[in-house]
N, C-alpha and C. Protein backbone atom coordinates (compact mmCIF):
# COMPACT_ATOMS: atom_id res chain seq x y z
N UNK A 1 2.49 -22.79 189.31
CA UNK A 1 1.30 -23.56 189.63
C UNK A 1 0.99 -23.39 191.11
N UNK A 2 -0.26 -23.15 191.42
CA UNK A 2 -0.71 -22.99 192.79
C UNK A 2 -0.66 -24.34 193.52
N UNK A 3 -0.21 -24.31 194.76
CA UNK A 3 -0.18 -25.51 195.60
C UNK A 3 -1.27 -25.40 196.65
N UNK A 4 -2.06 -26.45 196.77
CA UNK A 4 -3.18 -26.47 197.71
C UNK A 4 -3.13 -27.74 198.54
N UNK A 5 -3.40 -27.61 199.84
CA UNK A 5 -3.61 -28.75 200.72
C UNK A 5 -5.12 -28.87 200.87
N UNK A 6 -5.67 -30.08 200.67
CA UNK A 6 -7.12 -30.26 200.67
C UNK A 6 -7.50 -31.55 201.38
N UNK A 7 -8.69 -31.55 201.97
CA UNK A 7 -9.24 -32.77 202.53
C UNK A 7 -10.74 -32.79 202.28
N UNK A 8 -11.27 -33.99 202.08
CA UNK A 8 -12.71 -34.19 201.89
C UNK A 8 -13.23 -35.18 202.93
N UNK A 9 -14.46 -34.99 203.32
CA UNK A 9 -15.22 -36.00 204.04
C UNK A 9 -16.36 -36.39 203.11
N UNK A 10 -16.83 -37.63 203.23
CA UNK A 10 -17.81 -38.12 202.26
C UNK A 10 -18.93 -38.91 202.93
N UNK A 11 -19.97 -39.12 202.14
CA UNK A 11 -21.15 -39.86 202.61
C UNK A 11 -20.81 -41.32 202.87
N UNK A 12 -19.87 -41.85 202.11
CA UNK A 12 -19.43 -43.24 202.28
C UNK A 12 -18.14 -43.42 201.50
N UNK A 13 -17.48 -44.54 201.74
CA UNK A 13 -16.29 -44.88 200.97
C UNK A 13 -16.65 -45.70 199.74
N UNK A 14 -17.92 -45.98 199.56
CA UNK A 14 -18.38 -46.78 198.43
C UNK A 14 -18.32 -46.05 197.11
N UNK A 15 -18.55 -46.78 196.05
CA UNK A 15 -18.49 -46.25 194.69
C UNK A 15 -19.45 -45.07 194.47
N UNK A 16 -20.58 -45.08 195.16
CA UNK A 16 -21.58 -44.02 194.99
C UNK A 16 -21.46 -42.91 196.02
N UNK A 17 -20.39 -42.93 196.81
CA UNK A 17 -20.18 -41.88 197.80
C UNK A 17 -19.98 -40.53 197.14
N UNK A 18 -20.25 -39.47 197.88
CA UNK A 18 -20.12 -38.10 197.36
C UNK A 18 -19.56 -37.22 198.47
N UNK A 19 -18.98 -36.09 198.10
CA UNK A 19 -18.37 -35.22 199.12
C UNK A 19 -19.44 -34.48 199.92
N UNK A 20 -19.23 -34.41 201.22
CA UNK A 20 -20.16 -33.67 202.08
C UNK A 20 -19.47 -32.49 202.76
N UNK A 21 -18.14 -32.55 202.85
CA UNK A 21 -17.36 -31.46 203.43
C UNK A 21 -16.02 -31.41 202.73
N UNK A 22 -15.62 -30.19 202.33
CA UNK A 22 -14.32 -29.99 201.68
C UNK A 22 -13.65 -28.80 202.36
N UNK A 23 -12.36 -28.93 202.62
CA UNK A 23 -11.57 -27.83 203.17
C UNK A 23 -10.26 -27.77 202.40
N UNK A 24 -9.72 -26.56 202.26
CA UNK A 24 -8.47 -26.39 201.52
C UNK A 24 -7.76 -25.13 201.98
N UNK A 25 -6.47 -25.09 201.71
CA UNK A 25 -5.65 -23.92 201.98
C UNK A 25 -4.60 -23.81 200.88
N UNK A 26 -4.41 -22.60 200.39
CA UNK A 26 -3.38 -22.35 199.38
C UNK A 26 -2.06 -22.14 200.11
N UNK A 27 -1.03 -22.87 199.69
CA UNK A 27 0.30 -22.73 200.27
C UNK A 27 1.11 -21.86 199.32
N UNK A 28 1.53 -20.71 199.80
CA UNK A 28 2.24 -19.74 198.97
C UNK A 28 3.75 -19.94 199.08
N UNK A 29 4.46 -20.02 197.95
CA UNK A 29 5.92 -20.11 198.03
C UNK A 29 6.50 -18.74 198.39
N UNK A 30 7.32 -18.70 199.42
CA UNK A 30 7.94 -17.45 199.85
C UNK A 30 9.12 -17.08 198.96
N UNK A 31 9.81 -18.11 198.44
CA UNK A 31 10.98 -17.87 197.61
C UNK A 31 10.97 -18.88 196.47
N UNK A 32 10.39 -18.52 195.30
CA UNK A 32 10.30 -19.47 194.21
C UNK A 32 11.66 -19.95 193.69
N UNK A 33 12.75 -19.25 194.04
CA UNK A 33 14.09 -19.63 193.58
C UNK A 33 14.61 -20.88 194.31
N UNK A 34 14.03 -21.15 195.49
CA UNK A 34 14.55 -22.22 196.34
C UNK A 34 13.49 -23.30 196.55
N UNK A 35 13.74 -24.50 196.09
CA UNK A 35 12.80 -25.60 196.26
C UNK A 35 12.55 -25.86 197.74
N UNK A 36 11.32 -26.20 198.06
CA UNK A 36 10.98 -26.53 199.44
C UNK A 36 10.86 -25.34 200.35
N UNK A 37 10.68 -24.12 199.78
CA UNK A 37 10.67 -22.93 200.61
C UNK A 37 9.28 -22.41 200.92
N UNK A 38 8.26 -23.21 200.76
CA UNK A 38 6.92 -22.75 201.08
C UNK A 38 6.88 -22.34 202.55
N UNK A 39 6.48 -21.10 202.79
CA UNK A 39 6.50 -20.63 204.18
C UNK A 39 5.19 -20.03 204.63
N UNK A 40 4.25 -19.82 203.76
CA UNK A 40 3.01 -19.19 204.16
C UNK A 40 1.82 -19.93 203.57
N UNK A 41 0.75 -19.96 204.33
CA UNK A 41 -0.48 -20.59 203.85
C UNK A 41 -1.62 -19.60 204.05
N UNK A 42 -2.57 -19.64 203.13
CA UNK A 42 -3.75 -18.81 203.29
C UNK A 42 -4.63 -19.42 204.37
N UNK A 43 -5.68 -18.73 204.70
CA UNK A 43 -6.64 -19.26 205.67
C UNK A 43 -7.23 -20.56 205.13
N UNK A 44 -7.72 -21.37 206.02
CA UNK A 44 -8.37 -22.62 205.62
C UNK A 44 -9.82 -22.29 205.25
N UNK A 45 -10.17 -22.64 204.04
CA UNK A 45 -11.56 -22.48 203.56
C UNK A 45 -12.27 -23.80 203.79
N UNK A 46 -13.52 -23.73 204.25
CA UNK A 46 -14.28 -24.95 204.53
C UNK A 46 -15.70 -24.79 203.99
N UNK A 47 -16.27 -25.90 203.52
CA UNK A 47 -17.65 -25.86 203.05
C UNK A 47 -18.34 -27.20 203.33
N UNK A 48 -19.52 -27.11 203.94
CA UNK A 48 -20.41 -28.26 204.05
C UNK A 48 -21.27 -28.24 202.79
N UNK A 49 -21.52 -29.40 202.21
CA UNK A 49 -22.22 -29.47 200.93
C UNK A 49 -23.57 -30.16 201.10
N UNK A 50 -24.65 -29.44 200.72
CA UNK A 50 -25.98 -30.03 200.74
C UNK A 50 -26.07 -31.03 199.59
N UNK A 51 -26.42 -32.28 199.88
CA UNK A 51 -26.46 -33.30 198.82
C UNK A 51 -27.46 -32.96 197.71
N UNK A 52 -27.08 -33.29 196.49
CA UNK A 52 -28.01 -33.20 195.37
C UNK A 52 -29.11 -34.22 195.58
N UNK A 53 -30.30 -34.00 195.01
CA UNK A 53 -31.42 -34.92 195.24
C UNK A 53 -31.11 -36.38 194.89
N UNK A 54 -30.27 -36.62 193.87
CA UNK A 54 -29.97 -37.99 193.46
C UNK A 54 -28.75 -38.57 194.17
N UNK A 55 -28.18 -37.83 195.09
CA UNK A 55 -27.10 -38.37 195.93
C UNK A 55 -27.76 -39.03 197.13
N UNK A 56 -27.91 -40.32 197.08
CA UNK A 56 -28.64 -41.02 198.13
C UNK A 56 -27.78 -41.97 198.96
N UNK A 57 -26.58 -42.28 198.48
CA UNK A 57 -25.72 -43.22 199.21
C UNK A 57 -25.33 -42.61 200.56
N UNK A 58 -25.58 -43.34 201.65
CA UNK A 58 -25.21 -42.85 202.98
C UNK A 58 -24.81 -44.03 203.83
N UNK A 59 -23.64 -43.94 204.43
CA UNK A 59 -23.14 -45.02 205.27
C UNK A 59 -23.08 -44.54 206.72
N UNK A 60 -23.87 -45.15 207.61
CA UNK A 60 -23.82 -44.76 209.02
C UNK A 60 -22.42 -44.90 209.63
N UNK A 61 -21.62 -45.84 209.14
CA UNK A 61 -20.25 -45.99 209.66
C UNK A 61 -19.41 -44.76 209.30
N UNK A 62 -19.58 -44.21 208.11
CA UNK A 62 -18.86 -42.98 207.74
C UNK A 62 -19.32 -41.82 208.60
N UNK A 63 -20.63 -41.73 208.82
CA UNK A 63 -21.15 -40.67 209.68
C UNK A 63 -20.58 -40.77 211.09
N UNK A 64 -20.41 -41.99 211.58
CA UNK A 64 -19.84 -42.19 212.91
C UNK A 64 -18.40 -41.68 212.97
N UNK A 65 -17.67 -41.76 211.86
CA UNK A 65 -16.29 -41.29 211.82
C UNK A 65 -16.22 -39.76 211.78
N UNK A 66 -16.95 -39.13 210.85
CA UNK A 66 -16.85 -37.67 210.71
C UNK A 66 -17.86 -36.90 211.55
N UNK A 67 -18.93 -37.55 211.98
CA UNK A 67 -19.90 -36.90 212.86
C UNK A 67 -20.83 -35.92 212.19
N UNK A 68 -20.92 -35.95 210.88
CA UNK A 68 -21.79 -35.03 210.14
C UNK A 68 -23.02 -35.80 209.67
N UNK A 69 -24.19 -35.39 210.11
CA UNK A 69 -25.41 -36.09 209.72
C UNK A 69 -25.96 -35.52 208.41
N UNK A 70 -26.71 -36.34 207.72
CA UNK A 70 -27.35 -35.87 206.49
C UNK A 70 -28.32 -34.73 206.81
N UNK A 71 -29.00 -34.82 207.96
CA UNK A 71 -29.92 -33.75 208.36
C UNK A 71 -29.17 -32.43 208.54
N UNK A 72 -27.97 -32.49 209.10
CA UNK A 72 -27.17 -31.27 209.26
C UNK A 72 -26.79 -30.70 207.90
N UNK A 73 -26.44 -31.56 206.96
CA UNK A 73 -26.09 -31.09 205.61
C UNK A 73 -27.29 -30.41 204.96
N UNK A 74 -28.46 -31.00 205.13
CA UNK A 74 -29.68 -30.41 204.55
C UNK A 74 -29.96 -29.04 205.15
N UNK A 75 -29.72 -28.90 206.45
CA UNK A 75 -30.01 -27.65 207.16
C UNK A 75 -28.93 -26.59 206.98
N UNK A 76 -27.65 -27.01 207.01
CA UNK A 76 -26.55 -26.04 207.05
C UNK A 76 -25.67 -26.04 205.80
N UNK A 77 -25.79 -27.05 204.94
CA UNK A 77 -24.90 -27.15 203.80
C UNK A 77 -25.19 -26.13 202.72
N UNK A 78 -24.12 -25.76 202.00
CA UNK A 78 -24.26 -24.90 200.82
C UNK A 78 -24.80 -25.75 199.68
N UNK A 79 -25.58 -25.14 198.81
CA UNK A 79 -26.06 -25.85 197.62
C UNK A 79 -24.84 -26.41 196.88
N UNK A 80 -24.95 -27.64 196.40
CA UNK A 80 -23.82 -28.31 195.75
C UNK A 80 -23.26 -27.50 194.60
N UNK A 81 -24.11 -26.85 193.81
CA UNK A 81 -23.65 -26.05 192.67
C UNK A 81 -22.81 -24.87 193.13
N UNK A 82 -23.25 -24.20 194.19
CA UNK A 82 -22.49 -23.05 194.72
C UNK A 82 -21.17 -23.53 195.31
N UNK A 83 -21.21 -24.61 196.08
CA UNK A 83 -19.98 -25.16 196.65
C UNK A 83 -19.01 -25.57 195.55
N UNK A 84 -19.53 -26.21 194.50
CA UNK A 84 -18.67 -26.65 193.39
C UNK A 84 -17.99 -25.46 192.72
N UNK A 85 -18.73 -24.39 192.48
CA UNK A 85 -18.12 -23.20 191.85
C UNK A 85 -17.05 -22.59 192.76
N UNK A 86 -17.33 -22.54 194.04
CA UNK A 86 -16.36 -21.99 195.00
C UNK A 86 -15.08 -22.83 195.03
N UNK A 87 -15.25 -24.15 195.07
CA UNK A 87 -14.10 -25.05 195.10
C UNK A 87 -13.34 -24.99 193.78
N UNK A 88 -14.07 -24.99 192.67
CA UNK A 88 -13.44 -24.95 191.35
C UNK A 88 -12.61 -23.68 191.17
N UNK A 89 -13.13 -22.57 191.65
CA UNK A 89 -12.39 -21.31 191.54
C UNK A 89 -11.05 -21.39 192.27
N UNK A 90 -11.06 -22.03 193.42
CA UNK A 90 -9.83 -22.17 194.21
C UNK A 90 -8.87 -23.18 193.59
N UNK A 91 -9.40 -24.28 193.04
CA UNK A 91 -8.56 -25.39 192.60
C UNK A 91 -8.13 -25.30 191.13
N UNK A 92 -8.80 -24.51 190.33
CA UNK A 92 -8.51 -24.50 188.90
C UNK A 92 -7.04 -24.18 188.62
N UNK A 93 -6.37 -25.08 187.92
CA UNK A 93 -4.97 -24.92 187.58
C UNK A 93 -4.00 -25.29 188.69
N UNK A 94 -4.50 -25.80 189.80
CA UNK A 94 -3.65 -26.07 190.97
C UNK A 94 -3.16 -27.50 191.03
N UNK A 95 -2.11 -27.67 191.81
CA UNK A 95 -1.64 -28.98 192.22
C UNK A 95 -2.17 -29.17 193.63
N UNK A 96 -3.07 -30.14 193.80
CA UNK A 96 -3.80 -30.35 195.04
C UNK A 96 -3.23 -31.56 195.76
N UNK A 97 -2.72 -31.32 196.98
CA UNK A 97 -2.16 -32.41 197.78
C UNK A 97 -3.19 -32.84 198.83
N UNK A 98 -3.35 -34.15 198.95
CA UNK A 98 -4.30 -34.72 199.88
C UNK A 98 -3.76 -36.04 200.42
N UNK A 99 -4.28 -36.46 201.57
CA UNK A 99 -3.80 -37.71 202.15
C UNK A 99 -4.46 -38.94 201.54
N UNK A 100 -5.49 -38.74 200.73
CA UNK A 100 -6.17 -39.87 200.07
C UNK A 100 -6.53 -39.46 198.64
N UNK A 101 -5.52 -39.35 197.76
CA UNK A 101 -5.78 -38.81 196.43
C UNK A 101 -6.81 -39.57 195.61
N UNK A 102 -6.85 -40.89 195.73
CA UNK A 102 -7.83 -41.62 194.91
C UNK A 102 -9.25 -41.33 195.38
N UNK A 103 -9.49 -41.32 196.69
CA UNK A 103 -10.83 -41.01 197.19
C UNK A 103 -11.18 -39.54 196.97
N UNK A 104 -10.31 -38.63 197.42
CA UNK A 104 -10.62 -37.21 197.31
C UNK A 104 -10.76 -36.77 195.86
N UNK A 105 -9.90 -37.29 194.99
CA UNK A 105 -10.01 -36.97 193.57
C UNK A 105 -11.34 -37.44 192.99
N UNK A 106 -11.75 -38.64 193.35
CA UNK A 106 -13.03 -39.18 192.85
C UNK A 106 -14.19 -38.35 193.36
N UNK A 107 -14.18 -37.98 194.65
CA UNK A 107 -15.27 -37.19 195.20
C UNK A 107 -15.31 -35.79 194.58
N UNK A 108 -14.16 -35.17 194.34
CA UNK A 108 -14.13 -33.86 193.69
C UNK A 108 -14.65 -33.95 192.26
N UNK A 109 -14.24 -34.99 191.53
CA UNK A 109 -14.74 -35.17 190.15
C UNK A 109 -16.25 -35.38 190.16
N UNK A 110 -16.74 -36.14 191.13
CA UNK A 110 -18.19 -36.37 191.21
C UNK A 110 -18.92 -35.05 191.43
N UNK A 111 -18.43 -34.24 192.35
CA UNK A 111 -19.04 -32.93 192.61
C UNK A 111 -19.05 -32.08 191.35
N UNK A 112 -17.90 -31.99 190.67
CA UNK A 112 -17.81 -31.17 189.47
C UNK A 112 -18.70 -31.72 188.34
N UNK A 113 -18.63 -33.02 188.10
CA UNK A 113 -19.43 -33.62 187.03
C UNK A 113 -20.93 -33.49 187.28
N UNK A 114 -21.36 -33.79 188.49
CA UNK A 114 -22.79 -33.79 188.79
C UNK A 114 -23.39 -32.39 188.86
N UNK A 115 -22.56 -31.37 189.02
CA UNK A 115 -23.06 -29.99 189.04
C UNK A 115 -22.77 -29.25 187.74
N UNK A 116 -22.03 -29.89 186.82
CA UNK A 116 -21.70 -29.25 185.55
C UNK A 116 -20.66 -28.16 185.66
N UNK A 117 -19.88 -28.17 186.72
CA UNK A 117 -18.83 -27.16 186.94
C UNK A 117 -17.51 -27.74 186.44
N UNK A 118 -16.74 -26.91 185.74
CA UNK A 118 -15.45 -27.36 185.21
C UNK A 118 -14.30 -26.77 185.99
N UNK A 119 -13.31 -27.58 186.23
CA UNK A 119 -12.06 -27.14 186.86
C UNK A 119 -10.98 -28.14 186.49
N UNK A 120 -9.83 -27.63 186.12
CA UNK A 120 -8.69 -28.49 185.78
C UNK A 120 -7.68 -28.39 186.92
N UNK A 121 -7.43 -29.51 187.59
CA UNK A 121 -6.46 -29.55 188.67
C UNK A 121 -5.92 -30.97 188.75
N UNK A 122 -4.76 -31.09 189.39
CA UNK A 122 -4.14 -32.40 189.57
C UNK A 122 -4.10 -32.73 191.05
N UNK A 123 -4.45 -33.96 191.39
CA UNK A 123 -4.45 -34.41 192.78
C UNK A 123 -3.25 -35.33 192.98
N UNK A 124 -2.50 -35.09 194.06
CA UNK A 124 -1.29 -35.87 194.35
C UNK A 124 -1.24 -36.18 195.84
N UNK A 125 -0.45 -37.19 196.22
CA UNK A 125 -0.35 -37.55 197.64
C UNK A 125 0.43 -36.52 198.46
N UNK A 126 -0.11 -36.17 199.62
CA UNK A 126 0.54 -35.21 200.50
C UNK A 126 1.92 -35.70 200.91
N UNK A 127 2.10 -37.02 201.00
CA UNK A 127 3.39 -37.56 201.42
C UNK A 127 4.51 -37.09 200.48
N UNK A 128 4.23 -37.02 199.18
CA UNK A 128 5.27 -36.56 198.24
C UNK A 128 5.62 -35.10 198.48
N UNK A 129 4.63 -34.29 198.86
CA UNK A 129 4.88 -32.88 199.14
C UNK A 129 5.71 -32.73 200.43
N UNK A 130 5.42 -33.54 201.43
CA UNK A 130 6.19 -33.48 202.68
C UNK A 130 7.65 -33.80 202.42
N UNK A 131 7.90 -34.76 201.57
CA UNK A 131 9.28 -35.11 201.21
C UNK A 131 9.93 -33.96 200.45
N UNK A 132 9.22 -33.38 199.47
CA UNK A 132 9.77 -32.26 198.70
C UNK A 132 10.13 -31.08 199.61
N UNK A 133 9.23 -30.75 200.53
CA UNK A 133 9.47 -29.61 201.43
C UNK A 133 10.67 -29.87 202.33
N UNK A 134 10.83 -31.10 202.78
CA UNK A 134 11.93 -31.40 203.71
C UNK A 134 13.25 -31.66 203.00
N UNK A 135 13.23 -31.82 201.68
CA UNK A 135 14.47 -32.10 200.93
C UNK A 135 15.55 -31.05 201.16
N UNK A 136 15.17 -29.81 201.37
CA UNK A 136 16.14 -28.73 201.53
C UNK A 136 17.05 -28.98 202.74
N UNK A 137 16.60 -29.77 203.71
CA UNK A 137 17.39 -30.06 204.92
C UNK A 137 18.24 -31.32 204.79
N UNK A 138 18.09 -32.05 203.68
CA UNK A 138 18.80 -33.32 203.51
C UNK A 138 19.47 -33.34 202.13
N UNK A 139 20.72 -32.93 202.08
CA UNK A 139 21.46 -32.87 200.83
C UNK A 139 22.54 -33.94 200.85
N UNK A 140 22.38 -35.00 200.03
CA UNK A 140 23.37 -36.09 200.04
C UNK A 140 24.69 -35.65 199.39
N UNK A 141 25.78 -36.25 199.87
CA UNK A 141 27.09 -35.97 199.29
C UNK A 141 27.56 -37.11 198.40
N UNK A 142 26.83 -38.22 198.38
CA UNK A 142 27.20 -39.38 197.56
C UNK A 142 26.09 -40.41 197.60
N UNK A 143 26.23 -41.51 196.80
CA UNK A 143 25.16 -42.51 196.72
C UNK A 143 24.82 -43.17 198.06
N UNK A 144 25.82 -43.55 198.86
CA UNK A 144 25.55 -44.18 200.15
C UNK A 144 24.88 -43.17 201.08
N UNK A 145 25.38 -41.95 201.08
CA UNK A 145 24.80 -40.90 201.90
C UNK A 145 23.34 -40.66 201.51
N UNK A 146 23.03 -40.75 200.23
CA UNK A 146 21.66 -40.55 199.77
C UNK A 146 20.72 -41.59 200.37
N UNK A 147 21.16 -42.85 200.44
CA UNK A 147 20.33 -43.90 201.03
C UNK A 147 20.12 -43.66 202.52
N UNK A 148 21.19 -43.29 203.23
CA UNK A 148 21.08 -43.03 204.66
C UNK A 148 20.20 -41.80 204.93
N UNK A 149 20.37 -40.76 204.13
CA UNK A 149 19.57 -39.56 204.30
C UNK A 149 18.09 -39.84 204.04
N UNK A 150 17.79 -40.69 203.07
CA UNK A 150 16.40 -41.01 202.76
C UNK A 150 15.71 -41.59 204.00
N UNK A 151 16.38 -42.52 204.69
CA UNK A 151 15.81 -43.11 205.90
C UNK A 151 15.70 -42.07 207.00
N UNK A 152 16.74 -41.27 207.20
CA UNK A 152 16.71 -40.21 208.23
C UNK A 152 15.59 -39.22 207.94
N UNK A 153 15.43 -38.86 206.67
CA UNK A 153 14.40 -37.90 206.29
C UNK A 153 13.01 -38.46 206.58
N UNK A 154 12.76 -39.70 206.19
CA UNK A 154 11.45 -40.33 206.43
C UNK A 154 11.19 -40.49 207.93
N UNK A 155 12.23 -40.84 208.70
CA UNK A 155 12.07 -40.95 210.16
C UNK A 155 11.71 -39.59 210.75
N UNK A 156 12.39 -38.55 210.28
CA UNK A 156 12.12 -37.19 210.77
C UNK A 156 10.69 -36.78 210.45
N UNK A 157 10.25 -37.01 209.22
CA UNK A 157 8.87 -36.67 208.85
C UNK A 157 7.89 -37.42 209.77
N UNK A 158 8.17 -38.69 210.03
CA UNK A 158 7.32 -39.46 210.94
C UNK A 158 7.27 -38.87 212.34
N UNK A 159 8.42 -38.42 212.84
CA UNK A 159 8.45 -37.80 214.17
C UNK A 159 7.66 -36.49 214.18
N UNK A 160 7.77 -35.71 213.12
CA UNK A 160 7.02 -34.45 213.03
C UNK A 160 5.52 -34.74 213.03
N UNK A 161 5.09 -35.71 212.24
CA UNK A 161 3.67 -36.06 212.17
C UNK A 161 3.17 -36.50 213.55
N UNK A 162 3.95 -37.32 214.24
CA UNK A 162 3.55 -37.77 215.58
C UNK A 162 3.44 -36.59 216.55
N UNK A 163 4.39 -35.68 216.47
CA UNK A 163 4.37 -34.50 217.35
C UNK A 163 3.14 -33.64 217.09
N UNK A 164 2.79 -33.46 215.82
CA UNK A 164 1.65 -32.61 215.45
C UNK A 164 0.33 -33.24 215.88
N UNK A 165 0.29 -34.56 215.97
CA UNK A 165 -0.96 -35.22 216.41
C UNK A 165 -1.39 -34.75 217.79
N UNK A 166 -0.45 -34.32 218.62
CA UNK A 166 -0.81 -33.87 219.96
C UNK A 166 -1.37 -32.45 219.97
N UNK A 167 -0.94 -31.62 219.05
CA UNK A 167 -1.40 -30.22 219.03
C UNK A 167 -2.47 -29.96 217.97
N UNK A 168 -2.44 -30.69 216.89
CA UNK A 168 -3.39 -30.53 215.78
C UNK A 168 -3.86 -31.92 215.34
N UNK A 169 -4.67 -32.57 216.18
CA UNK A 169 -5.08 -33.94 215.83
C UNK A 169 -5.94 -34.00 214.58
N UNK A 170 -5.81 -35.11 213.88
CA UNK A 170 -6.67 -35.36 212.72
C UNK A 170 -7.99 -35.90 213.27
N UNK A 171 -9.08 -35.20 212.99
CA UNK A 171 -10.37 -35.54 213.58
C UNK A 171 -11.37 -36.09 212.57
N UNK A 172 -10.94 -36.28 211.35
CA UNK A 172 -11.85 -36.67 210.27
C UNK A 172 -12.90 -35.60 210.03
N UNK A 173 -12.51 -34.37 210.27
CA UNK A 173 -13.23 -33.19 209.80
C UNK A 173 -12.26 -32.49 208.87
N UNK A 174 -12.75 -32.08 207.72
CA UNK A 174 -11.87 -31.60 206.66
C UNK A 174 -10.98 -30.43 207.10
N UNK A 175 -11.56 -29.43 207.75
CA UNK A 175 -10.77 -28.27 208.17
C UNK A 175 -9.67 -28.62 209.16
N UNK A 176 -10.00 -29.43 210.15
CA UNK A 176 -9.00 -29.83 211.15
C UNK A 176 -7.89 -30.64 210.50
N UNK A 177 -8.23 -31.48 209.55
CA UNK A 177 -7.20 -32.30 208.90
C UNK A 177 -6.28 -31.44 208.03
N UNK A 178 -6.82 -30.42 207.36
CA UNK A 178 -5.97 -29.50 206.59
C UNK A 178 -5.06 -28.74 207.55
N UNK A 179 -5.59 -28.27 208.67
CA UNK A 179 -4.76 -27.56 209.66
C UNK A 179 -3.64 -28.46 210.20
N UNK A 180 -3.94 -29.73 210.37
CA UNK A 180 -2.93 -30.70 210.79
C UNK A 180 -1.75 -30.69 209.81
N UNK A 181 -2.04 -30.82 208.53
CA UNK A 181 -0.96 -30.88 207.54
C UNK A 181 -0.25 -29.54 207.40
N UNK A 182 -0.95 -28.43 207.59
CA UNK A 182 -0.28 -27.13 207.55
C UNK A 182 0.73 -27.02 208.70
N UNK A 183 0.38 -27.54 209.86
CA UNK A 183 1.32 -27.52 210.99
C UNK A 183 2.51 -28.45 210.72
N UNK A 184 2.26 -29.61 210.13
CA UNK A 184 3.36 -30.50 209.75
C UNK A 184 4.31 -29.76 208.80
N UNK A 185 3.75 -29.08 207.81
CA UNK A 185 4.59 -28.34 206.86
C UNK A 185 5.38 -27.23 207.55
N UNK A 186 4.75 -26.52 208.47
CA UNK A 186 5.45 -25.46 209.19
C UNK A 186 6.67 -26.02 209.92
N UNK A 187 6.50 -27.14 210.59
CA UNK A 187 7.62 -27.73 211.33
C UNK A 187 8.67 -28.31 210.38
N UNK A 188 8.26 -28.87 209.26
CA UNK A 188 9.25 -29.40 208.31
C UNK A 188 10.09 -28.27 207.72
N UNK A 189 9.47 -27.14 207.45
CA UNK A 189 10.23 -26.01 206.90
C UNK A 189 11.22 -25.46 207.92
N UNK A 190 10.89 -25.60 209.21
CA UNK A 190 11.77 -25.08 210.25
C UNK A 190 13.06 -25.88 210.40
N UNK A 191 13.04 -27.12 209.98
CA UNK A 191 14.25 -27.95 210.06
C UNK A 191 14.10 -29.10 211.03
N UNK A 192 15.06 -30.02 211.02
CA UNK A 192 14.99 -31.22 211.85
C UNK A 192 14.79 -30.92 213.33
N UNK A 193 13.95 -31.75 213.97
CA UNK A 193 13.73 -31.63 215.41
C UNK A 193 14.98 -32.10 216.14
N UNK A 194 15.23 -31.51 217.27
CA UNK A 194 16.38 -31.89 218.09
C UNK A 194 16.10 -33.21 218.78
């Protein structure tokens, strides 16, 4: 199964919100024999989406966060149908990791449903993938050790995320946020920080 890191920006967080920007990267396993060995990622693909005529929900507070205006989407965005086909081609059959699976999954379903494009994929929390990738560095020798390692592992992941914020900040732009998580993954695969 293909593994993808994805992020969406949307018109609003409300029920009628729709995706306006989607970015993703395919994470390739370097050694399928060894769990947590993902070592390479494809380029980050990004798309601004021109809203469909009946997509009218717009929240100025969301625009203030991501900085993408509706006018910019109208001028520079890809037609929603073309964007949906491009995204569906990348995501079909994939396990898609995102930092907000309920929101991103809903926005992706809305894009696919409203454009009539089909794609079968599963959306899961990026946090579970970070733990899976780092598991190779934390092998418990017994039940007590497992509990201690779990805390050490989560602390380490937290330190990596904090470190990456300085070099690859999350900007609430889909491409930058995907690059942030790709850098987190790169450091987690390298092993615990000193």
